[in-house]
């Protein structure tokens, strides 16, 4: 019960939400970079 009461504090909620959103943003940035959207798929040589 002490843990539940600790989670109900506004500062703790804010910090946990911030960490969760930060982790989600890191995953999204990693997936965006991994997909290689800005990288050329094929370079036309000798044309």
Protein backbone atom coordinates (compact mmCIF):
# COMPACT_ATOMS: atom_id res chain seq x y z
CA UNK A 1 0.00 0.00 0.00
CA UNK A 2 2.90 2.38 0.61
CA UNK A 3 3.98 1.93 -3.01
CA UNK A 4 0.49 2.75 -4.24
CA UNK A 5 0.39 5.88 -2.08
CA UNK A 6 3.83 6.85 -3.41
CA UNK A 7 2.58 6.51 -7.01
CA UNK A 8 -0.33 8.86 -6.33
CA UNK A 9 1.98 11.81 -5.64
CA UNK A 10 1.83 14.39 -8.46
CA UNK A 11 5.62 14.68 -8.72
CA UNK A 12 6.03 10.92 -9.07
CA UNK A 13 3.26 10.74 -11.67
CA UNK A 14 4.88 13.54 -13.65
CA UNK A 15 8.31 11.91 -13.56
CA UNK A 16 6.98 8.49 -14.54
CA UNK A 17 4.94 9.95 -17.41
CA UNK A 18 7.98 11.89 -18.59
CA UNK A 19 10.16 8.78 -18.53
CA UNK A 20 7.55 6.72 -20.36
CA UNK A 21 7.08 9.33 -23.09
CA UNK A 22 10.84 9.76 -23.40
CA UNK A 23 11.26 6.00 -23.86
CA UNK A 24 8.52 5.96 -26.50
CA UNK A 25 10.19 8.83 -28.36
CA UNK A 26 13.55 7.04 -28.27
CA UNK A 27 11.98 3.90 -29.74
CA UNK A 28 10.26 5.92 -32.47
CA UNK A 29 13.46 7.76 -33.36
CA UNK A 30 15.34 4.47 -33.48
CA UNK A 31 12.74 2.89 -35.75
CA UNK A 32 12.74 5.96 -38.01
CA UNK A 33 16.51 5.85 -38.28
CA UNK A 34 16.53 2.08 -38.81
CA UNK A 35 14.02 2.28 -41.67
CA UNK A 36 16.45 4.45 -43.62
CA UNK A 37 13.88 6.88 -45.00
CA UNK A 38 16.53 9.49 -45.75
CA UNK A 39 18.95 7.03 -47.31
CA UNK A 40 19.09 6.46 -51.02
CA UNK A 41 17.80 3.04 -52.02
CA UNK A 42 19.47 3.07 -55.43
CA UNK A 43 22.05 5.43 -56.86
CA UNK A 44 22.02 5.83 -60.63
CA UNK A 45 25.56 5.34 -61.85
CA UNK A 46 26.80 5.70 -65.43
CA UNK A 47 23.72 7.49 -66.74
